[in-house]
């Protein structure tokens, strides 16, 4: 169950530069983005999720994407590993989040300068481990360093398409046995690894991936997802989950979705829902869901 999140108010949100293929400079309606963000916050609160809020600093356009800011490597000891962004345009965000976490009583650690890392955008929790995207924003040196220092276990997945620069743009874990993925984004060996780990591995369609379905958030028996992907909604509901839709289309213009806007402060326990009894493995074989 997701109990508590951190989000950043998009008071100054715009697309001012282009550091990923999704970004469309000068296209954002800031007031509309703010309204969409407030609607997402309201949806979280209505579901019993506590929302902590940090105000965006002017000049840090992507600060609103809270998930990217770091990784809690020890919940018990309140240790946050701060992100080390690849692009200079985003590096100023780290100081603002560092201050917030220190004020909340966290010990904030940093990485060596040569090791880039972008937090929850790259790291997807599963069974006490983390899947981590490897290729565009970090490499094996980064996750091996984190594993050794913090005793965190990663399962690396190789990203091969620059459009999917973060793992949460192409991979979504629903529960312990079910995950969605987009084959063109991942190396064949990584797909084979997922096939071995998940008895129910479901391919995203291109339409679903363009609607940022992979950037959804799951909590208990509900999934928060971007509007505009009926097939993904149908599949998730078929699996027994309630779907809560939110329009965050202004943020997609910068390459971010619901998950990107959400830093998970407290999720416990992790993915306890199991598949319905006698569930058929290949959901995509259902003609009503293609």
C-alpha atoms as a PDB file:
ATOM      1  CA  UNK A   1       0.000   0.000   0.000  1.00  0.00           C
ATOM      2  CA  UNK A   2       1.256   3.451  -0.909  1.00  0.00           C
ATOM      3  CA  UNK A   3       0.801   5.562   2.223  1.00  0.00           C
ATOM      4  CA  UNK A   4       2.699   8.799   1.682  1.00  0.00           C
ATOM      5  CA  UNK A   5       4.149  10.724  -1.280  1.00  0.00           C
ATOM      6  CA  UNK A   6       6.077  13.913  -1.970  1.00  0.00           C
ATOM      7  CA  UNK A   7       5.019  16.186  -4.827  1.00  0.00           C
ATOM      8  CA  UNK A   8       6.199  19.556  -6.140  1.00  0.00           C
ATOM      9  CA  UNK A   9       3.745  22.336  -6.989  1.00  0.00           C
ATOM     10  CA  UNK A  10       4.184  23.311 -10.688  1.00  0.00           C
ATOM     11  CA  UNK A  11       3.899  27.051 -10.182  1.00  0.00           C
ATOM     12  CA  UNK A  12       6.485  27.756 -12.896  1.00  0.00           C
ATOM     13  CA  UNK A  13       6.216  24.648 -15.047  1.00  0.00           C
ATOM     14  CA  UNK A  14       7.238  25.033 -18.676  1.00  0.00           C
ATOM     15  CA  UNK A  15       9.256  23.117 -21.257  1.00  0.00           C
ATOM     16  CA  UNK A  16      12.229  25.413 -21.681  1.00  0.00           C
ATOM     17  CA  UNK A  17      14.763  23.054 -23.276  1.00  0.00           C
ATOM     18  CA  UNK A  18      14.933  19.588 -24.811  1.00  0.00           C
ATOM     19  CA  UNK A  19      16.849  16.777 -23.125  1.00  0.00           C
ATOM     20  CA  UNK A  20      14.570  13.909 -24.179  1.00  0.00           C
ATOM     21  CA  UNK A  21      12.585  13.157 -27.366  1.00  0.00           C
ATOM     22  CA  UNK A  22       9.205  13.836 -25.715  1.00  0.00           C
ATOM     23  CA  UNK A  23       9.953  17.456 -24.835  1.00  0.00           C
ATOM     24  CA  UNK A  24       8.129  20.187 -26.762  1.00  0.00           C
ATOM     25  CA  UNK A  25       9.533  23.600 -25.765  1.00  0.00           C
ATOM     26  CA  UNK A  26       7.047  26.434 -25.466  1.00  0.00           C
ATOM     27  CA  UNK A  27       3.922  24.269 -25.597  1.00  0.00           C
ATOM     28  CA  UNK A  28       2.815  24.096 -21.959  1.00  0.00           C
ATOM     29  CA  UNK A  29      -0.222  25.891 -20.553  1.00  0.00           C
ATOM     30  CA  UNK A  30       1.075  26.566 -17.019  1.00  0.00           C
ATOM     31  CA  UNK A  31      -2.342  27.187 -15.475  1.00  0.00           C
ATOM     32  CA  UNK A  32      -3.737  24.026 -17.040  1.00  0.00           C
ATOM     33  CA  UNK A  33      -0.754  22.059 -15.752  1.00  0.00           C
ATOM     34  CA  UNK A  34      -1.340  23.450 -12.265  1.00  0.00           C
ATOM     35  CA  UNK A  35      -5.011  22.475 -12.392  1.00  0.00           C
ATOM     36  CA  UNK A  36      -4.114  18.958 -13.574  1.00  0.00           C
ATOM     37  CA  UNK A  37      -1.583  18.613 -10.770  1.00  0.00           C
ATOM     38  CA  UNK A  38      -4.121  19.681  -8.138  1.00  0.00           C
ATOM     39  CA  UNK A  39      -6.579  17.112  -9.496  1.00  0.00           C
ATOM     40  CA  UNK A  40      -3.952  14.372  -9.124  1.00  0.00           C
ATOM     41  CA  UNK A  41      -3.188  15.489  -5.560  1.00  0.00           C
ATOM     42  CA  UNK A  42      -6.914  15.398  -4.784  1.00  0.00           C
ATOM     43  CA  UNK A  43      -7.189  11.876  -6.229  1.00  0.00           C
ATOM     44  CA  UNK A  44      -4.335  10.680  -4.038  1.00  0.00           C
ATOM     45  CA  UNK A  45      -5.850  12.225  -0.924  1.00  0.00           C
ATOM     46  CA  UNK A  46      -9.285  10.769  -1.720  1.00  0.00           C
ATOM     47  CA  UNK A  47      -7.618   7.338  -1.779  1.00  0.00           C
ATOM     48  CA  UNK A  48      -6.122   7.847   1.665  1.00  0.00           C
ATOM     49  CA  UNK A  49      -2.605   8.748   0.520  1.00  0.00           C
ATOM     50  CA  UNK A  50      -0.880  11.489   2.482  1.00  0.00           C
ATOM     51  CA  UNK A  51       0.687  14.136   0.232  1.00  0.00           C
ATOM     52  CA  UNK A  52       3.681  16.251   1.260  1.00  0.00           C
ATOM     53  CA  UNK A  53       4.252  19.307  -0.948  1.00  0.00           C
ATOM     54  CA  UNK A  54       7.363  21.209  -1.964  1.00  0.00           C
ATOM     55  CA  UNK A  55       7.077  24.450  -3.954  1.00  0.00           C
ATOM     56  CA  UNK A  56       8.810  24.673  -7.312  1.00  0.00           C
ATOM     57  CA  UNK A  57      11.640  27.161  -7.633  1.00  0.00           C
ATOM     58  CA  UNK A  58      11.516  29.426 -10.672  1.00  0.00           C
ATOM     59  CA  UNK A  59      14.107  28.495 -13.269  1.00  0.00           C
ATOM     60  CA  UNK A  60      13.992  24.770 -12.432  1.00  0.00           C
ATOM     61  CA  UNK A  61      11.422  23.632 -14.984  1.00  0.00           C
ATOM     62  CA  UNK A  62      11.674  19.894 -14.299  1.00  0.00           C
ATOM     63  CA  UNK A  63      11.717  20.161 -10.517  1.00  0.00           C
ATOM     64  CA  UNK A  64       8.065  19.074 -10.604  1.00  0.00           C
ATOM     65  CA  UNK A  65       9.161  15.515 -11.432  1.00  0.00           C
ATOM     66  CA  UNK A  66       9.691  14.480  -7.829  1.00  0.00           C
ATOM     67  CA  UNK A  67      10.249  10.776  -8.531  1.00  0.00           C
ATOM     68  CA  UNK A  68      13.590  11.512 -10.193  1.00  0.00           C
ATOM     69  CA  UNK A  69      15.153  13.202  -7.178  1.00  0.00           C
ATOM     70  CA  UNK A  70      16.611  10.262  -5.317  1.00  0.00           C
ATOM     71  CA  UNK A  71      16.077   6.885  -3.698  1.00  0.00           C
ATOM     72  CA  UNK A  72      15.371   6.027  -0.067  1.00  0.00           C
ATOM     73  CA  UNK A  73      18.029   3.365   0.465  1.00  0.00           C
ATOM     74  CA  UNK A  74      17.087   2.800   4.113  1.00  0.00           C
ATOM     75  CA  UNK A  75      13.588   3.546   5.323  1.00  0.00           C
ATOM     76  CA  UNK A  76      14.376   2.496   8.896  1.00  0.00           C
ATOM     77  CA  UNK A  77      17.446   4.746   9.145  1.00  0.00           C
ATOM     78  CA  UNK A  78      15.904   7.492   6.968  1.00  0.00           C
ATOM     79  CA  UNK A  79      18.728   7.609   4.435  1.00  0.00           C
ATOM     80  CA  UNK A  80      18.100   9.237   1.065  1.00  0.00           C
ATOM     81  CA  UNK A  81      20.559   8.834  -1.799  1.00  0.00           C
ATOM     82  CA  UNK A  82      20.288  12.067  -3.776  1.00  0.00           C
ATOM     83  CA  UNK A  83      20.194  11.906  -7.567  1.00  0.00           C
ATOM     84  CA  UNK A  84      23.103  13.058  -9.674  1.00  0.00           C
ATOM     85  CA  UNK A  85      21.488  14.332 -12.865  1.00  0.00           C
ATOM     86  CA  UNK A  86      23.177  13.828 -16.200  1.00  0.00           C
ATOM     87  CA  UNK A  87      22.123  17.164 -17.697  1.00  0.00           C
ATOM     88  CA  UNK A  88      23.128  20.512 -16.221  1.00  0.00           C
ATOM     89  CA  UNK A  89      19.593  21.867 -16.743  1.00  0.00           C
ATOM     90  CA  UNK A  90      18.343  19.601 -13.948  1.00  0.00           C
ATOM     91  CA  UNK A  91      21.226  19.650 -11.500  1.00  0.00           C
ATOM     92  CA  UNK A  92      19.938  22.655  -9.553  1.00  0.00           C
ATOM     93  CA  UNK A  93      16.868  20.681  -8.486  1.00  0.00           C
ATOM     94  CA  UNK A  94      18.908  18.514  -6.149  1.00  0.00           C
ATOM     95  CA  UNK A  95      19.693  21.299  -3.679  1.00  0.00           C
ATOM     96  CA  UNK A  96      15.996  22.096  -3.212  1.00  0.00           C
ATOM     97  CA  UNK A  97      15.089  18.480  -2.497  1.00  0.00           C
ATOM     98  CA  UNK A  98      18.152  17.996  -0.295  1.00  0.00           C
ATOM     99  CA  UNK A  99      16.971  20.831   1.924  1.00  0.00           C
ATOM    100  CA  UNK A 100      13.483  19.352   2.183  1.00  0.00           C
ATOM    101  CA  UNK A 101      14.691  15.883   3.139  1.00  0.00           C
ATOM    102  CA  UNK A 102      17.136  17.220   5.711  1.00  0.00           C
ATOM    103  CA  UNK A 103      14.312  19.268   7.255  1.00  0.00           C
ATOM    104  CA  UNK A 104      12.324  16.019   7.519  1.00  0.00           C
ATOM    105  CA  UNK A 105      15.108  14.341   9.450  1.00  0.00           C
ATOM    106  CA  UNK A 106      16.728  12.357   6.646  1.00  0.00           C
ATOM    107  CA  UNK A 107      20.421  11.777   6.203  1.00  0.00           C
ATOM    108  CA  UNK A 108      21.091  12.802   2.609  1.00  0.00           C
ATOM    109  CA  UNK A 109      23.966  11.045   0.852  1.00  0.00           C
ATOM    110  CA  UNK A 110      25.457  11.933  -2.526  1.00  0.00           C
ATOM    111  CA  UNK A 111      27.218   9.936  -5.233  1.00  0.00           C
ATOM    112  CA  UNK A 112      30.681  10.520  -6.682  1.00  0.00           C
ATOM    113  CA  UNK A 113      30.389  13.153  -9.430  1.00  0.00           C
ATOM    114  CA  UNK A 114      31.152  10.710 -12.245  1.00  0.00           C
ATOM    115  CA  UNK A 115      28.208   8.449 -11.343  1.00  0.00           C
ATOM    116  CA  UNK A 116      24.942   9.739 -12.801  1.00  0.00           C
ATOM    117  CA  UNK A 117      21.696   8.542 -11.243  1.00  0.00           C
ATOM    118  CA  UNK A 118      18.087   9.707 -11.529  1.00  0.00           C
ATOM    119  CA  UNK A 119      16.243   8.115  -8.653  1.00  0.00           C
ATOM    120  CA  UNK A 120      12.740   6.709  -8.956  1.00  0.00           C
ATOM    121  CA  UNK A 121      12.605   7.374 -12.679  1.00  0.00           C
ATOM    122  CA  UNK A 122      15.108   4.554 -13.018  1.00  0.00           C
ATOM    123  CA  UNK A 123      14.217   2.396 -10.008  1.00  0.00           C
ATOM    124  CA  UNK A 124      11.077   0.255  -9.775  1.00  0.00           C
ATOM    125  CA  UNK A 125      10.551  -1.654  -6.478  1.00  0.00           C
ATOM    126  CA  UNK A 126       9.693  -5.349  -6.567  1.00  0.00           C
ATOM    127  CA  UNK A 127       9.946  -8.075  -3.909  1.00  0.00           C
ATOM    128  CA  UNK A 128      12.410  -6.163  -1.764  1.00  0.00           C
ATOM    129  CA  UNK A 129      14.636  -5.369  -4.769  1.00  0.00           C
ATOM    130  CA  UNK A 130      14.708  -2.688  -7.446  1.00  0.00           C
ATOM    131  CA  UNK A 131      14.631  -2.979 -11.185  1.00  0.00           C
ATOM    132  CA  UNK A 132      16.954  -0.310 -12.548  1.00  0.00           C
ATOM    133  CA  UNK A 133      17.178   1.096 -16.066  1.00  0.00           C
ATOM    134  CA  UNK A 134      20.674   1.006 -17.514  1.00  0.00           C
ATOM    135  CA  UNK A 135      21.960   2.835 -20.554  1.00  0.00           C
ATOM    136  CA  UNK A 136      21.029   6.495 -20.951  1.00  0.00           C
ATOM    137  CA  UNK A 137      21.041   8.158 -17.524  1.00  0.00           C
ATOM    138  CA  UNK A 138      23.240   5.724 -15.561  1.00  0.00           C
ATOM    139  CA  UNK A 139      25.392   2.629 -16.091  1.00  0.00           C
ATOM    140  CA  UNK A 140      26.590  -0.463 -14.267  1.00  0.00           C
ATOM    141  CA  UNK A 141      29.186   1.523 -12.304  1.00  0.00           C
ATOM    142  CA  UNK A 142      26.359   3.442 -10.646  1.00  0.00           C
ATOM    143  CA  UNK A 143      24.195   0.571  -9.502  1.00  0.00           C
ATOM    144  CA  UNK A 144      27.173  -1.571  -8.471  1.00  0.00           C
ATOM    145  CA  UNK A 145      28.401   1.291  -6.294  1.00  0.00           C
ATOM    146  CA  UNK A 146      24.953   1.641  -4.658  1.00  0.00           C
ATOM    147  CA  UNK A 147      24.630  -2.109  -4.153  1.00  0.00           C
ATOM    148  CA  UNK A 148      28.002  -2.350  -2.444  1.00  0.00           C
ATOM    149  CA  UNK A 149      27.593   0.690  -0.185  1.00  0.00           C
ATOM    150  CA  UNK A 150      23.944   0.277   0.852  1.00  0.00           C
ATOM    151  CA  UNK A 151      23.308  -3.469   0.416  1.00  0.00           C
ATOM    152  CA  UNK A 152      20.506  -2.702  -2.026  1.00  0.00           C
ATOM    153  CA  UNK A 153      19.819  -5.357  -4.668  1.00  0.00           C
ATOM    154  CA  UNK A 154      19.191  -4.220  -8.246  1.00  0.00           C
ATOM    155  CA  UNK A 155      17.939  -6.090 -11.284  1.00  0.00           C
ATOM    156  CA  UNK A 156      19.351  -4.137 -14.265  1.00  0.00           C
ATOM    157  CA  UNK A 157      17.321  -3.782 -17.451  1.00  0.00           C
ATOM    158  CA  UNK A 158      19.103  -2.427 -20.517  1.00  0.00           C
ATOM    159  CA  UNK A 159      17.360   0.495 -22.253  1.00  0.00           C
ATOM    160  CA  UNK A 160      18.113   0.684 -25.976  1.00  0.00           C
ATOM    161  CA  UNK A 161      15.765   3.370 -27.329  1.00  0.00           C
ATOM    162  CA  UNK A 162      16.537   6.986 -26.366  1.00  0.00           C
ATOM    163  CA  UNK A 163      12.821   7.789 -26.301  1.00  0.00           C
ATOM    164  CA  UNK A 164      12.656   5.581 -23.223  1.00  0.00           C
ATOM    165  CA  UNK A 165      15.425   7.235 -21.265  1.00  0.00           C
ATOM    166  CA  UNK A 166      13.968   6.245 -17.872  1.00  0.00           C
ATOM    167  CA  UNK A 167      12.676   2.800 -16.954  1.00  0.00           C
ATOM    168  CA  UNK A 168       9.316   4.177 -15.819  1.00  0.00           C
ATOM    169  CA  UNK A 169       8.501   5.227 -19.398  1.00  0.00           C
ATOM    170  CA  UNK A 170       8.385   1.623 -20.659  1.00  0.00           C
ATOM    171  CA  UNK A 171       7.999  -0.757 -17.698  1.00  0.00           C
ATOM    172  CA  UNK A 172       5.245  -1.027 -15.078  1.00  0.00           C
ATOM    173  CA  UNK A 173       5.049  -3.560 -12.243  1.00  0.00           C
ATOM    174  CA  UNK A 174       1.465  -4.263 -11.192  1.00  0.00           C
ATOM    175  CA  UNK A 175       2.187  -6.858  -8.504  1.00  0.00           C
ATOM    176  CA  UNK A 176       4.527  -9.699  -7.604  1.00  0.00           C
ATOM    177  CA  UNK A 177       3.630 -11.791 -10.645  1.00  0.00           C
ATOM    178  CA  UNK A 178       2.382  -9.306 -13.233  1.00  0.00           C
ATOM    179  CA  UNK A 179       4.220  -6.608 -15.171  1.00  0.00           C
ATOM    180  CA  UNK A 180       3.769  -4.636 -18.391  1.00  0.00           C
ATOM    181  CA  UNK A 181       6.656  -3.790 -20.727  1.00  0.00           C
ATOM    182  CA  UNK A 182       7.347  -2.296 -24.155  1.00  0.00           C
ATOM    183  CA  UNK A 183       9.630  -4.594 -26.199  1.00  0.00           C
ATOM    184  CA  UNK A 184      11.218  -1.929 -28.486  1.00  0.00           C
ATOM    185  CA  UNK A 185      12.584  -0.139 -25.413  1.00  0.00           C
ATOM    186  CA  UNK A 186      14.526  -3.056 -23.936  1.00  0.00           C
ATOM    187  CA  UNK A 187      17.428  -5.293 -24.932  1.00  0.00           C
ATOM    188  CA  UNK A 188      16.552  -8.914 -25.727  1.00  0.00           C
ATOM    189  CA  UNK A 189      18.478 -10.232 -22.718  1.00  0.00           C
ATOM    190  CA  UNK A 190      16.495  -7.929 -20.446  1.00  0.00           C
ATOM    191  CA  UNK A 191      13.212  -9.148 -21.915  1.00  0.00           C
ATOM    192  CA  UNK A 192      14.319 -12.739 -21.345  1.00  0.00           C
ATOM    193  CA  UNK A 193      15.070 -11.839 -17.731  1.00  0.00           C
ATOM    194  CA  UNK A 194      11.568 -10.417 -17.284  1.00  0.00           C
ATOM    195  CA  UNK A 195      10.014 -13.511 -18.835  1.00  0.00           C
ATOM    196  CA  UNK A 196      11.798 -15.600 -16.214  1.00  0.00           C
ATOM    197  CA  UNK A 197      10.718 -13.391 -13.319  1.00  0.00           C
ATOM    198  CA  UNK A 198       7.072 -12.693 -14.184  1.00  0.00           C
ATOM    199  CA  UNK A 199       4.660 -15.542 -14.986  1.00  0.00           C
ATOM    200  CA  UNK A 200       2.301 -12.912 -16.397  1.00  0.00           C
ATOM    201  CA  UNK A 201       4.298 -10.506 -18.553  1.00  0.00           C
ATOM    202  CA  UNK A 202       2.144  -8.299 -20.787  1.00  0.00           C
ATOM    203  CA  UNK A 203       3.262  -6.175 -23.727  1.00  0.00           C
ATOM    204  CA  UNK A 204       2.229  -2.547 -23.932  1.00  0.00           C
ATOM    205  CA  UNK A 205       0.783  -1.511 -27.265  1.00  0.00           C
ATOM    206  CA  UNK A 206       2.299   1.529 -28.977  1.00  0.00           C
ATOM    207  CA  UNK A 207      -0.857   3.509 -28.256  1.00  0.00           C
ATOM    208  CA  UNK A 208      -0.660   2.659 -24.560  1.00  0.00           C
ATOM    209  CA  UNK A 209       2.987   3.630 -24.344  1.00  0.00           C
ATOM    210  CA  UNK A 210       2.358   6.958 -26.132  1.00  0.00           C
ATOM    211  CA  UNK A 211      -0.351   7.655 -23.540  1.00  0.00           C
ATOM    212  CA  UNK A 212       2.213   7.092 -20.762  1.00  0.00           C
ATOM    213  CA  UNK A 213       0.476   3.985 -19.422  1.00  0.00           C
ATOM    214  CA  UNK A 214       3.848   2.737 -18.132  1.00  0.00           C
ATOM    215  CA  UNK A 215       4.068   5.829 -15.936  1.00  0.00           C
ATOM    216  CA  UNK A 216       1.165   4.746 -13.752  1.00  0.00           C
ATOM    217  CA  UNK A 217       1.144   4.298  -9.975  1.00  0.00           C
ATOM    218  CA  UNK A 218      -0.254   1.271  -8.139  1.00  0.00           C
ATOM    219  CA  UNK A 219      -1.438   1.159  -4.546  1.00  0.00           C
ATOM    220  CA  UNK A 220      -3.195  -1.765  -2.901  1.00  0.00           C
ATOM    221  CA  UNK A 221      -6.038  -2.580  -5.328  1.00  0.00           C
ATOM    222  CA  UNK A 222      -6.006   0.671  -7.328  1.00  0.00           C
ATOM    223  CA  UNK A 223      -4.003   2.027 -10.262  1.00  0.00           C
ATOM    224  CA  UNK A 224      -3.647   5.736 -11.001  1.00  0.00           C
ATOM    225  CA  UNK A 225      -3.237   6.159 -14.740  1.00  0.00           C
ATOM    226  CA  UNK A 226      -3.229   8.858 -17.385  1.00  0.00           C
ATOM    227  CA  UNK A 227      -6.466   9.287 -19.332  1.00  0.00           C
ATOM    228  CA  UNK A 228      -6.523   8.241 -22.964  1.00  0.00           C
ATOM    229  CA  UNK A 229      -5.688   4.538 -22.955  1.00  0.00           C
ATOM    230  CA  UNK A 230      -8.878   2.479 -22.842  1.00  0.00           C
ATOM    231  CA  UNK A 231      -7.131  -0.812 -23.614  1.00  0.00           C
ATOM    232  CA  UNK A 232      -4.734  -0.485 -20.689  1.00  0.00           C
ATOM    233  CA  UNK A 233      -7.626   0.480 -18.410  1.00  0.00           C
ATOM    234  CA  UNK A 234      -9.531  -2.607 -19.537  1.00  0.00           C
ATOM    235  CA  UNK A 235      -6.566  -4.893 -18.891  1.00  0.00           C
ATOM    236  CA  UNK A 236      -5.931  -3.515 -15.411  1.00  0.00           C
ATOM    237  CA  UNK A 237      -9.609  -3.816 -14.492  1.00  0.00           C
ATOM    238  CA  UNK A 238      -9.685  -7.358 -15.865  1.00  0.00           C
ATOM    239  CA  UNK A 239      -6.895  -8.141 -13.400  1.00  0.00           C
ATOM    240  CA  UNK A 240      -9.129  -7.041 -10.539  1.00  0.00           C
ATOM    241  CA  UNK A 241      -7.923  -3.490  -9.928  1.00  0.00           C
ATOM    242  CA  UNK A 242      -9.840  -0.232  -9.683  1.00  0.00           C
ATOM    243  CA  UNK A 243      -8.607   2.377 -12.150  1.00  0.00           C
ATOM    244  CA  UNK A 244      -8.382   6.038 -11.175  1.00  0.00           C
ATOM    245  CA  UNK A 245      -7.748   8.215 -14.216  1.00  0.00           C
ATOM    246  CA  UNK A 246      -6.122  11.634 -14.175  1.00  0.00           C
ATOM    247  CA  UNK A 247      -5.355  13.935 -17.073  1.00  0.00           C
ATOM    248  CA  UNK A 248      -1.739  15.113 -16.811  1.00  0.00           C
ATOM    249  CA  UNK A 249      -1.304  15.752 -20.532  1.00  0.00           C
ATOM    250  CA  UNK A 250       0.586  19.036 -19.995  1.00  0.00           C
ATOM    251  CA  UNK A 251       3.366  17.141 -18.230  1.00  0.00           C
ATOM    252  CA  UNK A 252       3.653  14.556 -20.994  1.00  0.00           C
ATOM    253  CA  UNK A 253       4.851  17.437 -23.174  1.00  0.00           C
ATOM    254  CA  UNK A 254       7.996  17.303 -21.038  1.00  0.00           C
ATOM    255  CA  UNK A 255       8.254  13.502 -20.997  1.00  0.00           C
ATOM    256  CA  UNK A 256       6.729  12.986 -17.557  1.00  0.00           C
ATOM    257  CA  UNK A 257       3.627  11.246 -16.264  1.00  0.00           C
ATOM    258  CA  UNK A 258       1.885  10.407 -13.006  1.00  0.00           C
ATOM    259  CA  UNK A 259       4.746   8.313 -11.649  1.00  0.00           C
ATOM    260  CA  UNK A 260       7.266  11.025 -12.548  1.00  0.00           C
ATOM    261  CA  UNK A 261       5.306  13.544 -10.471  1.00  0.00           C
ATOM    262  CA  UNK A 262       5.260  11.243  -7.443  1.00  0.00           C
ATOM    263  CA  UNK A 263       8.079  10.512  -4.991  1.00  0.00           C
ATOM    264  CA  UNK A 264       7.074   7.513  -2.889  1.00  0.00           C
ATOM    265  CA  UNK A 265       7.949   8.280   0.726  1.00  0.00           C
ATOM    266  CA  UNK A 266       6.184   5.332   2.311  1.00  0.00           C
ATOM    267  CA  UNK A 267       5.021   2.158   0.603  1.00  0.00           C
ATOM    268  CA  UNK A 268       4.393  -0.837   2.848  1.00  0.00           C
ATOM    269  CA  UNK A 269       4.182  -3.650   2.323  1.00  0.00           C
ATOM    270  CA  UNK A 270       5.293  -3.974  -1.303  1.00  0.00           C
ATOM    271  CA  UNK A 271       2.952  -5.534  -3.846  1.00  0.00           C
ATOM    272  CA  UNK A 272       0.874  -7.917  -1.766  1.00  0.00           C
ATOM    273  CA  UNK A 273      -1.928  -8.442  -4.290  1.00  0.00           C
ATOM    274  CA  UNK A 274      -1.864 -11.769  -6.108  1.00  0.00           C
ATOM    275  CA  UNK A 275      -3.566 -12.839  -9.306  1.00  0.00           C
ATOM    276  CA  UNK A 276      -7.151 -13.942  -9.269  1.00  0.00           C
ATOM    277  CA  UNK A 277      -7.592 -17.693  -8.866  1.00  0.00           C
ATOM    278  CA  UNK A 278      -7.393 -19.635 -12.141  1.00  0.00           C
ATOM    279  CA  UNK A 279      -6.290 -16.523 -13.992  1.00  0.00           C
ATOM    280  CA  UNK A 280      -5.229 -17.165 -17.581  1.00  0.00           C
ATOM    281  CA  UNK A 281      -1.575 -16.296 -18.119  1.00  0.00           C
ATOM    282  CA  UNK A 282      -1.752 -14.382 -21.385  1.00  0.00           C
ATOM    283  CA  UNK A 283      -4.208 -11.561 -20.927  1.00  0.00           C
ATOM    284  CA  UNK A 284      -3.324 -10.226 -24.383  1.00  0.00           C
ATOM    285  CA  UNK A 285      -4.915 -13.325 -25.896  1.00  0.00           C
ATOM    286  CA  UNK A 286      -8.348 -11.982 -24.890  1.00  0.00           C
ATOM    287  CA  UNK A 287      -9.769 -10.543 -28.148  1.00  0.00           C
ATOM    288  CA  UNK A 288     -11.741  -7.920 -26.256  1.00  0.00           C
ATOM    289  CA  UNK A 289      -8.534  -6.354 -24.938  1.00  0.00           C
ATOM    290  CA  UNK A 290      -6.467  -6.035 -28.132  1.00  0.00           C
END
